[in-house]
Amino acid sequence: MIYAFARDGGLPASKRLAHVSARHRTPEAAIWAAALLSFAFVIGAKALEASGTPVYTIVVSCTVIFLFPLLRAPDRARAAELWRHQVAAHGPVEPGARGVSRCSLYWHWPRWC
């Protein structure tokens, strides 16, 4: 996700994080940034460990709490653009195009019920 956001210019130091190594053909800086941030997060969770709650529980809880709102952030940004009448050009993937959203809704509907 770090590479994808950096590739689209959505992170600080995007140019560095989006660089793909010619030797390994992977975004090395993005991988190392993710590893270091994850390590720092676990160390921080260990420091905040309260009343015997396992670190694993803290990390999973925080991941669930923060991941879902972050996945909705692009939709909220798009809605804000529409509200301000400052609609930018669509990116290469438009989920509403050609009924993709409708098809995925119908496909997953029985699984939700």
C-alpha atoms as a PDB file:
ATOM      1  CA  MET A   1       0.000   0.000   0.000  1.00  0.00           C
ATOM      2  CA  ILE A   2       2.898   2.341   0.707  1.00  0.00           C
ATOM      3  CA  TYR A   3       4.226   1.844  -2.809  1.00  0.00           C
ATOM      4  CA  ALA A   4       0.790   2.370  -4.366  1.00  0.00           C
ATOM      5  CA  PHE A   5       0.151   5.598  -2.456  1.00  0.00           C
ATOM      6  CA  ALA A   6       3.686   6.849  -3.150  1.00  0.00           C
ATOM      7  CA  ARG A   7       3.407   5.997  -6.849  1.00  0.00           C
ATOM      8  CA  ASP A   8       0.312   8.211  -7.026  1.00  0.00           C
ATOM      9  CA  GLY A   9       2.058  11.030  -5.118  1.00  0.00           C
ATOM     10  CA  GLY A  10      -0.010  10.626  -1.968  1.00  0.00           C
ATOM     11  CA  LEU A  11       2.784  10.341   0.614  1.00  0.00           C
ATOM     12  CA  PRO A  12       5.658  12.483   1.806  1.00  0.00           C
ATOM     13  CA  ALA A  13       8.867  11.434   0.045  1.00  0.00           C
ATOM     14  CA  SER A  14       6.761   9.814  -2.669  1.00  0.00           C
ATOM     15  CA  LYS A  15       9.517   9.898  -5.239  1.00  0.00           C
ATOM     16  CA  ARG A  16      11.866   7.877  -3.028  1.00  0.00           C
ATOM     17  CA  LEU A  17       9.196   5.450  -1.795  1.00  0.00           C
ATOM     18  CA  ALA A  18       7.911   4.790  -5.325  1.00  0.00           C
ATOM     19  CA  HIS A  19      11.356   3.982  -6.734  1.00  0.00           C
ATOM     20  CA  VAL A  20      11.634   0.387  -7.961  1.00  0.00           C
ATOM     21  CA  SER A  21      15.025  -1.296  -7.673  1.00  0.00           C
ATOM     22  CA  ALA A  22      16.452  -2.335 -11.046  1.00  0.00           C
ATOM     23  CA  ARG A  23      18.268  -5.255  -9.452  1.00  0.00           C
ATOM     24  CA  HIS A  24      15.422  -6.786  -7.438  1.00  0.00           C
ATOM     25  CA  ARG A  25      12.496  -5.214  -9.326  1.00  0.00           C
ATOM     26  CA  THR A  26      10.790  -4.354  -6.029  1.00  0.00           C
ATOM     27  CA  PRO A  27      10.099  -1.033  -4.267  1.00  0.00           C
ATOM     28  CA  GLU A  28      12.865  -1.472  -1.677  1.00  0.00           C
ATOM     29  CA  ALA A  29      12.349   1.839   0.135  1.00  0.00           C
ATOM     30  CA  ALA A  30       8.616   1.186   0.531  1.00  0.00           C
ATOM     31  CA  ILE A  31       9.279  -2.326   1.847  1.00  0.00           C
ATOM     32  CA  TRP A  32      11.839  -1.099   4.383  1.00  0.00           C
ATOM     33  CA  ALA A  33       9.582   1.778   5.431  1.00  0.00           C
ATOM     34  CA  ALA A  34       6.713  -0.664   6.049  1.00  0.00           C
ATOM     35  CA  ALA A  35       8.977  -2.993   8.024  1.00  0.00           C
ATOM     36  CA  LEU A  36      10.384  -0.193  10.191  1.00  0.00           C
ATOM     37  CA  LEU A  37       6.956   1.362  10.815  1.00  0.00           C
ATOM     38  CA  SER A  38       5.536  -2.041  11.760  1.00  0.00           C
ATOM     39  CA  PHE A  39       8.414  -2.688  14.137  1.00  0.00           C
ATOM     40  CA  ALA A  40       7.988   0.753  15.730  1.00  0.00           C
ATOM     41  CA  PHE A  41       4.251   0.141  16.086  1.00  0.00           C
ATOM     42  CA  VAL A  42       4.777  -3.160  17.895  1.00  0.00           C
ATOM     43  CA  ILE A  43       7.394  -1.595  20.205  1.00  0.00           C
ATOM     44  CA  GLY A  44       4.929   1.225  20.950  1.00  0.00           C
ATOM     45  CA  ALA A  45       2.172  -1.298  21.629  1.00  0.00           C
ATOM     46  CA  LYS A  46       4.488  -3.152  23.999  1.00  0.00           C
ATOM     47  CA  ALA A  47       5.154   0.101  25.848  1.00  0.00           C
ATOM     48  CA  LEU A  48       1.400   0.710  26.143  1.00  0.00           C
ATOM     49  CA  GLU A  49       0.604  -2.842  27.215  1.00  0.00           C
ATOM     50  CA  ALA A  50      -2.057  -2.399  29.858  1.00  0.00           C
ATOM     51  CA  SER A  51      -3.227  -4.771  32.560  1.00  0.00           C
ATOM     52  CA  GLY A  52      -1.797  -7.892  30.986  1.00  0.00           C
ATOM     53  CA  THR A  53      -3.404  -7.455  27.550  1.00  0.00           C
ATOM     54  CA  PRO A  54      -1.214  -9.273  25.018  1.00  0.00           C
ATOM     55  CA  VAL A  55       0.591  -7.132  22.466  1.00  0.00           C
ATOM     56  CA  TYR A  56      -0.960  -9.206  19.680  1.00  0.00           C
ATOM     57  CA  THR A  57      -4.448  -8.168  20.817  1.00  0.00           C
ATOM     58  CA  ILE A  58      -3.469  -4.499  20.883  1.00  0.00           C
ATOM     59  CA  VAL A  59      -1.905  -4.631  17.408  1.00  0.00           C
ATOM     60  CA  VAL A  60      -4.853  -6.474  15.837  1.00  0.00           C
ATOM     61  CA  SER A  61      -7.380  -4.159  17.480  1.00  0.00           C
ATOM     62  CA  CYS A  62      -5.590  -1.047  16.256  1.00  0.00           C
ATOM     63  CA  THR A  63      -5.254  -2.520  12.769  1.00  0.00           C
ATOM     64  CA  VAL A  64      -8.975  -3.214  12.552  1.00  0.00           C
ATOM     65  CA  ILE A  65      -9.904   0.174  13.985  1.00  0.00           C
ATOM     66  CA  PHE A  66      -7.655   2.181  11.647  1.00  0.00           C
ATOM     67  CA  LEU A  67      -7.645   0.118   8.454  1.00  0.00           C
ATOM     68  CA  PHE A  68     -11.308   0.324   7.521  1.00  0.00           C
ATOM     69  CA  PRO A  69     -11.623   4.134   7.762  1.00  0.00           C
ATOM     70  CA  LEU A  70      -8.386   4.497   5.780  1.00  0.00           C
ATOM     71  CA  LEU A  71      -9.740   2.301   3.002  1.00  0.00           C
ATOM     72  CA  ARG A  72     -12.712   4.652   2.713  1.00  0.00           C
ATOM     73  CA  ALA A  73     -10.500   7.785   2.544  1.00  0.00           C
ATOM     74  CA  PRO A  74     -10.364   7.954  -1.287  1.00  0.00           C
ATOM     75  CA  ASP A  75     -14.163   7.788  -1.465  1.00  0.00           C
ATOM     76  CA  ARG A  76     -14.481  10.586   1.093  1.00  0.00           C
ATOM     77  CA  ALA A  77     -11.950  12.691  -0.821  1.00  0.00           C
ATOM     78  CA  ARG A  78     -13.901  12.148  -4.037  1.00  0.00           C
ATOM     79  CA  ALA A  79     -17.152  13.094  -2.295  1.00  0.00           C
ATOM     80  CA  ALA A  80     -15.509  16.285  -1.005  1.00  0.00           C
ATOM     81  CA  GLU A  81     -14.423  17.141  -4.557  1.00  0.00           C
ATOM     82  CA  LEU A  82     -17.949  16.627  -5.791  1.00  0.00           C
ATOM     83  CA  TRP A  83     -19.317  18.749  -2.935  1.00  0.00           C
ATOM     84  CA  ARG A  84     -16.958  21.623  -3.820  1.00  0.00           C
ATOM     85  CA  HIS A  85     -17.615  21.178  -7.564  1.00  0.00           C
ATOM     86  CA  GLN A  86     -13.884  20.649  -8.151  1.00  0.00           C
ATOM     87  CA  VAL A  87     -14.038  17.303  -9.899  1.00  0.00           C
ATOM     88  CA  ALA A  88     -10.650  16.107 -11.117  1.00  0.00           C
ATOM     89  CA  ALA A  89     -10.128  13.625 -13.913  1.00  0.00           C
ATOM     90  CA  HIS A  90     -10.715  10.013 -12.971  1.00  0.00           C
ATOM     91  CA  GLY A  91      -7.741   7.769 -12.381  1.00  0.00           C
ATOM     92  CA  PRO A  92      -6.994   4.630 -14.373  1.00  0.00           C
ATOM     93  CA  VAL A  93      -9.482   2.579 -12.330  1.00  0.00           C
ATOM     94  CA  GLU A  94     -13.020   3.777 -11.829  1.00  0.00           C
ATOM     95  CA  PRO A  95     -15.000   1.280  -9.726  1.00  0.00           C
ATOM     96  CA  GLY A  96     -18.353   2.586 -10.941  1.00  0.00           C
ATOM     97  CA  ALA A  97     -17.453   2.181 -14.591  1.00  0.00           C
ATOM     98  CA  ARG A  98     -19.261  -0.458 -16.637  1.00  0.00           C
ATOM     99  CA  GLY A  99     -21.317  -1.628 -13.687  1.00  0.00           C
ATOM    100  CA  VAL A 100     -18.392  -3.124 -11.771  1.00  0.00           C
ATOM    101  CA  SER A 101     -19.749  -1.913  -8.444  1.00  0.00           C
ATOM    102  CA  ARG A 102     -23.209  -3.256  -9.179  1.00  0.00           C
ATOM    103  CA  CYS A 103     -21.841  -6.638 -10.269  1.00  0.00           C
ATOM    104  CA  SER A 104     -19.682  -6.987  -7.174  1.00  0.00           C
ATOM    105  CA  LEU A 105     -22.637  -6.065  -4.970  1.00  0.00           C
ATOM    106  CA  TYR A 106     -24.806  -8.754  -6.573  1.00  0.00           C
ATOM    107  CA  TRP A 107     -21.984 -11.277  -6.382  1.00  0.00           C
ATOM    108  CA  HIS A 108     -21.361 -10.758  -2.656  1.00  0.00           C
ATOM    109  CA  TRP A 109     -24.935 -10.128  -1.552  1.00  0.00           C
ATOM    110  CA  PRO A 110     -25.732 -13.792  -0.676  1.00  0.00           C
ATOM    111  CA  ARG A 111     -22.584 -13.995   1.432  1.00  0.00           C
ATOM    112  CA  TRP A 112     -23.648 -11.023   3.556  1.00  0.00           C
ATOM    113  CA  CYS A 113     -27.110 -12.384   4.345  1.00  0.00           C
END
